[in-house]
Each structure stands twice: as structure tokens, then as C-alpha cells.
Amino acid sequence: MGYINSTFVPDMQVDEERQKISLIVDMDEGKSFTISSIDFIGLDEDALQSISKGLYFKRGDVYNQRLVSHFMHEHASLLPINVSPDSRIRFDRDNKLATIGVAFDFRDCPSQ
């Protein structure tokens, strides 16, 4: 839920005599990120009006990767054939402000 800079450090201890392994994972969540902007690239005004009504999130919400990915998969029919929906999501992360801009690219041939 917004923790996009989480880090995980595993610590494994092996007890060969008892044939046991202990695994401890130290997790640092980092900052919780909020959505700073939402952009749609390559849609005409009618498609933009229609698609923006189905958003599960808005500017200022805590970032949730599952909701962003689900939204794009739901609207995959607007993408060219044989294009992965997840490959058409762009992010603009500001670590200092703990914000992330999300852009959905629906163009036939996106520029990188």
C-alpha cells in the first residue's frame, strides 16, 4: 500500500545437526507513496471521458500497484494487439516527496 521502495534482507541460519533452517526476513517499508498525477496518452476525448470514469484511484490516494495494473488490464482492448498492458504503464517517481505520477500509454507506437 504505497511502499514502493521496500527492501527485504533475508537471514538464514542452518542447524545441520537437527536438519532445520531458520529464515528471518528483515523488512524496511520505506515511505508510503501517494499518486501525484494520472495521465492518459493516445486517447481521443470520448475515450478519455469513458475510461476516466472507471478509475479505482485518484490523485492524492496512496499508490496501489494492484489497482493500477488491474485498471490497465481491464482496458487492454484499447491497446494494439499482442501488447502487454503492464508494458504501457509509465511511472514518474519522486523519492524526496514520496509521490508517483502514473501515465497510461494507449498509443499504437509509443515513444520511449
N, C-alpha and C. Protein backbone atom coordinates (compact mmCIF):
# COMPACT_ATOMS: atom_id res chain seq x y z
N MET A 1 0.84 -1.19 0.00
CA MET A 1 0.00 0.00 0.00
C MET A 1 0.87 1.25 0.00
N GLY A 2 1.50 1.50 -1.13
CA GLY A 2 2.29 2.69 -1.29
C GLY A 2 3.75 2.54 -0.97
N TYR A 3 4.15 1.39 -0.48
CA TYR A 3 5.55 1.17 -0.10
C TYR A 3 6.33 0.62 -1.28
N ILE A 4 6.67 1.50 -2.22
CA ILE A 4 7.31 1.04 -3.45
C ILE A 4 8.82 0.93 -3.33
N ASN A 5 9.39 1.42 -2.26
CA ASN A 5 10.83 1.32 -2.05
C ASN A 5 11.17 0.33 -0.94
N SER A 6 10.32 -0.63 -0.71
CA SER A 6 10.56 -1.62 0.34
C SER A 6 11.80 -2.44 0.03
N THR A 7 12.53 -2.78 1.08
CA THR A 7 13.69 -3.66 0.92
C THR A 7 13.56 -4.83 1.89
N PHE A 8 14.04 -5.98 1.46
CA PHE A 8 13.96 -7.19 2.25
C PHE A 8 15.36 -7.79 2.36
N VAL A 9 15.77 -8.11 3.58
CA VAL A 9 17.10 -8.69 3.80
C VAL A 9 16.90 -10.03 4.52
N PRO A 10 17.15 -11.14 3.82
CA PRO A 10 16.98 -12.45 4.47
C PRO A 10 18.20 -12.82 5.33
N ASP A 11 17.94 -13.49 6.42
CA ASP A 11 18.99 -14.02 7.29
C ASP A 11 18.65 -15.48 7.55
N MET A 12 19.46 -16.38 6.98
CA MET A 12 19.18 -17.81 7.11
C MET A 12 20.21 -18.44 8.05
N GLN A 13 19.68 -19.21 8.99
CA GLN A 13 20.54 -19.94 9.92
C GLN A 13 20.26 -21.43 9.76
N VAL A 14 21.35 -22.18 9.53
CA VAL A 14 21.22 -23.62 9.28
C VAL A 14 21.69 -24.39 10.50
N ASP A 15 20.85 -25.31 10.96
CA ASP A 15 21.21 -26.22 12.05
C ASP A 15 21.29 -27.61 11.44
N GLU A 16 22.50 -27.97 10.99
CA GLU A 16 22.68 -29.25 10.30
C GLU A 16 22.42 -30.44 11.21
N GLU A 17 22.73 -30.29 12.46
CA GLU A 17 22.54 -31.39 13.42
C GLU A 17 21.07 -31.77 13.53
N ARG A 18 20.21 -30.77 13.60
CA ARG A 18 18.75 -31.02 13.71
C ARG A 18 18.07 -31.03 12.35
N GLN A 19 18.81 -30.72 11.31
CA GLN A 19 18.29 -30.62 9.94
C GLN A 19 17.15 -29.62 9.85
N LYS A 20 17.44 -28.42 10.39
CA LYS A 20 16.46 -27.34 10.38
C LYS A 20 17.10 -26.08 9.83
N ILE A 21 16.25 -25.28 9.23
CA ILE A 21 16.67 -23.97 8.73
C ILE A 21 15.73 -22.92 9.31
N SER A 22 16.32 -21.87 9.84
CA SER A 22 15.53 -20.73 10.31
C SER A 22 15.74 -19.58 9.33
N LEU A 23 14.67 -18.98 8.92
CA LEU A 23 14.75 -17.86 7.99
C LEU A 23 14.06 -16.67 8.63
N ILE A 24 14.84 -15.62 8.78
CA ILE A 24 14.30 -14.36 9.31
C ILE A 24 14.48 -13.32 8.22
N VAL A 25 13.42 -12.61 7.91
CA VAL A 25 13.49 -11.58 6.87
C VAL A 25 13.27 -10.22 7.52
N ASP A 26 14.28 -9.38 7.41
CA ASP A 26 14.19 -8.01 7.91
C ASP A 26 13.62 -7.15 6.79
N MET A 27 12.54 -6.45 7.08
CA MET A 27 11.87 -5.65 6.06
C MET A 27 11.86 -4.18 6.46
N ASP A 28 12.25 -3.34 5.52
CA ASP A 28 12.16 -1.90 5.70
C ASP A 28 11.15 -1.40 4.68
N GLU A 29 10.00 -0.93 5.15
CA GLU A 29 8.93 -0.49 4.25
C GLU A 29 9.30 0.77 3.47
N GLY A 30 10.09 1.63 4.05
CA GLY A 30 10.36 2.91 3.41
C GLY A 30 9.14 3.81 3.53
N LYS A 31 9.12 4.86 2.73
CA LYS A 31 8.00 5.81 2.76
C LYS A 31 6.81 5.26 1.98
N SER A 32 5.62 5.66 2.39
CA SER A 32 4.41 5.34 1.64
C SER A 32 4.22 6.43 0.59
N PHE A 33 4.08 6.03 -0.67
CA PHE A 33 3.96 6.98 -1.78
C PHE A 33 2.49 7.27 -2.08
N THR A 34 2.24 8.51 -2.49
CA THR A 34 0.90 8.89 -2.94
C THR A 34 0.97 9.25 -4.43
N ILE A 35 -0.18 9.20 -5.08
CA ILE A 35 -0.27 9.48 -6.51
C ILE A 35 -0.28 10.99 -6.72
N SER A 36 0.70 11.49 -7.49
CA SER A 36 0.79 12.93 -7.75
C SER A 36 0.07 13.33 -9.03
N SER A 37 -0.01 12.40 -9.99
CA SER A 37 -0.68 12.72 -11.25
C SER A 37 -1.10 11.42 -11.94
N ILE A 38 -2.13 11.54 -12.78
CA ILE A 38 -2.60 10.43 -13.60
C ILE A 38 -2.80 10.97 -15.00
N ASP A 39 -2.10 10.38 -15.96
CA ASP A 39 -2.18 10.85 -17.35
C ASP A 39 -2.56 9.71 -18.27
N PHE A 40 -3.27 10.07 -19.33
CA PHE A 40 -3.65 9.12 -20.38
C PHE A 40 -3.08 9.64 -21.69
N ILE A 41 -2.30 8.81 -22.37
CA ILE A 41 -1.65 9.22 -23.61
C ILE A 41 -2.25 8.42 -24.77
N GLY A 42 -2.62 9.13 -25.84
CA GLY A 42 -3.07 8.46 -27.05
C GLY A 42 -4.55 8.15 -27.11
N LEU A 43 -5.36 8.81 -26.31
CA LEU A 43 -6.82 8.60 -26.36
C LEU A 43 -7.51 9.86 -26.85
N ASP A 44 -8.57 9.67 -27.64
CA ASP A 44 -9.35 10.83 -28.04
C ASP A 44 -10.25 11.26 -26.87
N GLU A 45 -10.89 12.38 -26.99
CA GLU A 45 -11.67 12.96 -25.89
C GLU A 45 -12.79 12.03 -25.41
N ASP A 46 -13.50 11.36 -26.34
CA ASP A 46 -14.58 10.45 -25.96
C ASP A 46 -14.05 9.26 -25.16
N ALA A 47 -12.97 8.66 -25.63
CA ALA A 47 -12.37 7.52 -24.93
C ALA A 47 -11.85 7.96 -23.56
N LEU A 48 -11.27 9.13 -23.51
CA LEU A 48 -10.76 9.66 -22.25
C LEU A 48 -11.88 9.86 -21.23
N GLN A 49 -12.99 10.41 -21.67
CA GLN A 49 -14.15 10.61 -20.79
C GLN A 49 -14.66 9.27 -20.25
N SER A 50 -14.76 8.30 -21.12
CA SER A 50 -15.27 6.98 -20.75
C SER A 50 -14.32 6.25 -19.80
N ILE A 51 -13.06 6.23 -20.13
CA ILE A 51 -12.09 5.46 -19.36
C ILE A 51 -11.83 6.08 -17.99
N SER A 52 -11.84 7.39 -17.89
CA SER A 52 -11.53 8.03 -16.62
C SER A 52 -12.62 7.81 -15.57
N LYS A 53 -13.81 7.44 -16.00
CA LYS A 53 -14.89 7.14 -15.05
C LYS A 53 -14.66 5.82 -14.32
N GLY A 54 -13.84 4.94 -14.91
CA GLY A 54 -13.59 3.63 -14.32
C GLY A 54 -12.36 3.54 -13.45
N LEU A 55 -11.79 4.68 -13.06
CA LEU A 55 -10.60 4.66 -12.22
C LEU A 55 -10.94 4.21 -10.80
N TYR A 56 -10.06 3.43 -10.22
CA TYR A 56 -10.22 2.97 -8.83
C TYR A 56 -9.39 3.81 -7.87
N PHE A 57 -8.74 4.83 -8.39
CA PHE A 57 -7.84 5.65 -7.59
C PHE A 57 -7.85 7.06 -8.16
N LYS A 58 -7.37 8.00 -7.36
CA LYS A 58 -7.33 9.39 -7.80
C LYS A 58 -6.06 10.05 -7.26
N ARG A 59 -5.78 11.21 -7.78
CA ARG A 59 -4.63 11.98 -7.32
C ARG A 59 -4.75 12.19 -5.81
N GLY A 60 -3.65 11.95 -5.09
CA GLY A 60 -3.64 12.10 -3.64
C GLY A 60 -3.84 10.79 -2.89
N ASP A 61 -4.33 9.75 -3.59
CA ASP A 61 -4.51 8.43 -2.95
C ASP A 61 -3.15 7.78 -2.72
N VAL A 62 -3.11 6.87 -1.76
CA VAL A 62 -1.92 6.04 -1.57
C VAL A 62 -1.78 5.15 -2.79
N TYR A 63 -0.58 5.06 -3.33
CA TYR A 63 -0.32 4.26 -4.53
C TYR A 63 -0.55 2.78 -4.24
N ASN A 64 -1.24 2.10 -5.16
CA ASN A 64 -1.51 0.68 -5.04
C ASN A 64 -1.28 0.04 -6.41
N GLN A 65 -0.18 -0.70 -6.55
CA GLN A 65 0.19 -1.29 -7.83
C GLN A 65 -0.88 -2.21 -8.37
N ARG A 66 -1.54 -2.97 -7.51
CA ARG A 66 -2.59 -3.89 -7.98
C ARG A 66 -3.72 -3.15 -8.66
N LEU A 67 -4.13 -2.02 -8.11
CA LEU A 67 -5.23 -1.25 -8.72
C LEU A 67 -4.81 -0.64 -10.05
N VAL A 68 -3.58 -0.16 -10.13
CA VAL A 68 -3.08 0.43 -11.37
C VAL A 68 -3.01 -0.64 -12.46
N SER A 69 -2.45 -1.78 -12.12
CA SER A 69 -2.33 -2.88 -13.09
C SER A 69 -3.70 -3.41 -13.50
N HIS A 70 -4.59 -3.56 -12.54
CA HIS A 70 -5.94 -4.06 -12.83
C HIS A 70 -6.67 -3.12 -13.79
N PHE A 71 -6.54 -1.83 -13.56
CA PHE A 71 -7.18 -0.85 -14.43
C PHE A 71 -6.69 -1.01 -15.87
N MET A 72 -5.38 -1.14 -16.06
CA MET A 72 -4.84 -1.25 -17.41
C MET A 72 -5.27 -2.57 -18.06
N HIS A 73 -5.29 -3.65 -17.32
CA HIS A 73 -5.73 -4.93 -17.88
C HIS A 73 -7.20 -4.88 -18.27
N GLU A 74 -7.99 -4.16 -17.50
CA GLU A 74 -9.42 -4.01 -17.80
C GLU A 74 -9.65 -3.27 -19.11
N HIS A 75 -8.72 -2.40 -19.47
CA HIS A 75 -8.86 -1.58 -20.67
C HIS A 75 -7.87 -1.98 -21.77
N ALA A 76 -7.40 -3.21 -21.70
CA ALA A 76 -6.42 -3.72 -22.67
C ALA A 76 -6.98 -3.73 -24.10
N SER A 77 -8.30 -3.76 -24.24
CA SER A 77 -8.89 -3.77 -25.59
C SER A 77 -8.58 -2.49 -26.36
N LEU A 78 -8.17 -1.44 -25.67
CA LEU A 78 -7.82 -0.18 -26.33
C LEU A 78 -6.38 -0.18 -26.83
N LEU A 79 -5.63 -1.23 -26.49
CA LEU A 79 -4.23 -1.33 -26.89
C LEU A 79 -4.10 -2.08 -28.21
N PRO A 80 -2.99 -1.89 -28.91
CA PRO A 80 -2.74 -2.70 -30.10
C PRO A 80 -2.68 -4.18 -29.73
N ILE A 81 -2.95 -5.05 -30.71
CA ILE A 81 -2.94 -6.49 -30.48
C ILE A 81 -1.53 -6.93 -30.08
N ASN A 82 -1.47 -7.94 -29.20
CA ASN A 82 -0.21 -8.54 -28.73
C ASN A 82 0.69 -7.58 -27.96
N VAL A 83 0.09 -6.67 -27.22
CA VAL A 83 0.85 -5.74 -26.38
C VAL A 83 0.50 -6.03 -24.93
N SER A 84 1.52 -6.17 -24.10
CA SER A 84 1.31 -6.40 -22.68
C SER A 84 0.79 -5.11 -22.03
N PRO A 85 -0.35 -5.17 -21.35
CA PRO A 85 -0.87 -3.97 -20.69
C PRO A 85 0.12 -3.36 -19.69
N ASP A 86 0.82 -4.21 -18.94
CA ASP A 86 1.76 -3.69 -17.95
C ASP A 86 2.92 -2.93 -18.58
N SER A 87 3.25 -3.25 -19.84
CA SER A 87 4.35 -2.55 -20.50
C SER A 87 3.96 -1.13 -20.90
N ARG A 88 2.69 -0.80 -20.80
CA ARG A 88 2.19 0.52 -21.20
C ARG A 88 1.87 1.43 -20.01
N ILE A 89 2.39 1.07 -18.85
CA ILE A 89 2.23 1.93 -17.67
C ILE A 89 3.58 2.56 -17.40
N ARG A 90 3.61 3.87 -17.31
CA ARG A 90 4.84 4.61 -17.04
C ARG A 90 4.73 5.28 -15.67
N PHE A 91 5.87 5.39 -14.99
CA PHE A 91 5.89 5.98 -13.66
C PHE A 91 6.91 7.10 -13.58
N ASP A 92 6.56 8.13 -12.84
CA ASP A 92 7.47 9.24 -12.56
C ASP A 92 7.54 9.35 -11.03
N ARG A 93 8.60 8.79 -10.47
CA ARG A 93 8.74 8.68 -9.02
C ARG A 93 9.55 9.85 -8.47
N ASP A 94 9.06 10.46 -7.40
CA ASP A 94 9.80 11.49 -6.68
C ASP A 94 10.04 10.97 -5.27
N ASN A 95 11.24 10.44 -5.05
CA ASN A 95 11.56 9.83 -3.75
C ASN A 95 11.57 10.85 -2.61
N LYS A 96 11.98 12.07 -2.91
CA LYS A 96 12.05 13.10 -1.88
C LYS A 96 10.66 13.46 -1.35
N LEU A 97 9.70 13.61 -2.27
CA LEU A 97 8.33 13.96 -1.87
C LEU A 97 7.46 12.74 -1.61
N ALA A 98 7.98 11.54 -1.91
CA ALA A 98 7.23 10.28 -1.76
C ALA A 98 5.94 10.32 -2.58
N THR A 99 6.10 10.75 -3.85
CA THR A 99 4.95 10.77 -4.77
C THR A 99 5.31 10.00 -6.04
N ILE A 100 4.27 9.59 -6.75
CA ILE A 100 4.48 8.89 -8.01
C ILE A 100 3.42 9.33 -9.00
N GLY A 101 3.88 9.69 -10.19
CA GLY A 101 2.98 10.02 -11.28
C GLY A 101 2.77 8.76 -12.11
N VAL A 102 1.54 8.54 -12.54
CA VAL A 102 1.21 7.34 -13.32
C VAL A 102 0.68 7.78 -14.69
N ALA A 103 1.24 7.20 -15.75
CA ALA A 103 0.79 7.51 -17.11
C ALA A 103 0.44 6.21 -17.82
N PHE A 104 -0.72 6.19 -18.45
CA PHE A 104 -1.18 5.04 -19.22
C PHE A 104 -1.03 5.39 -20.69
N ASP A 105 -0.23 4.59 -21.41
CA ASP A 105 0.09 4.90 -22.79
C ASP A 105 -0.69 3.97 -23.73
N PHE A 106 -1.66 4.53 -24.46
CA PHE A 106 -2.51 3.77 -25.36
C PHE A 106 -2.15 4.00 -26.83
N ARG A 107 -1.02 4.64 -27.11
CA ARG A 107 -0.63 4.89 -28.49
C ARG A 107 -0.27 3.59 -29.20
N ASP A 108 -0.43 3.59 -30.52
CA ASP A 108 -0.05 2.41 -31.33
C ASP A 108 1.44 2.13 -31.24
N CYS A 109 2.23 3.17 -31.27
CA CYS A 109 3.69 3.02 -31.25
C CYS A 109 4.24 4.05 -30.27
N PRO A 110 4.34 3.67 -28.99
CA PRO A 110 4.78 4.67 -28.00
C PRO A 110 6.25 5.03 -28.18
N SER A 111 6.55 6.28 -27.89
CA SER A 111 7.95 6.69 -27.91
C SER A 111 8.49 6.55 -26.50
N GLN A 112 9.72 6.11 -26.41
CA GLN A 112 10.32 5.87 -25.10
C GLN A 112 11.01 7.10 -24.58
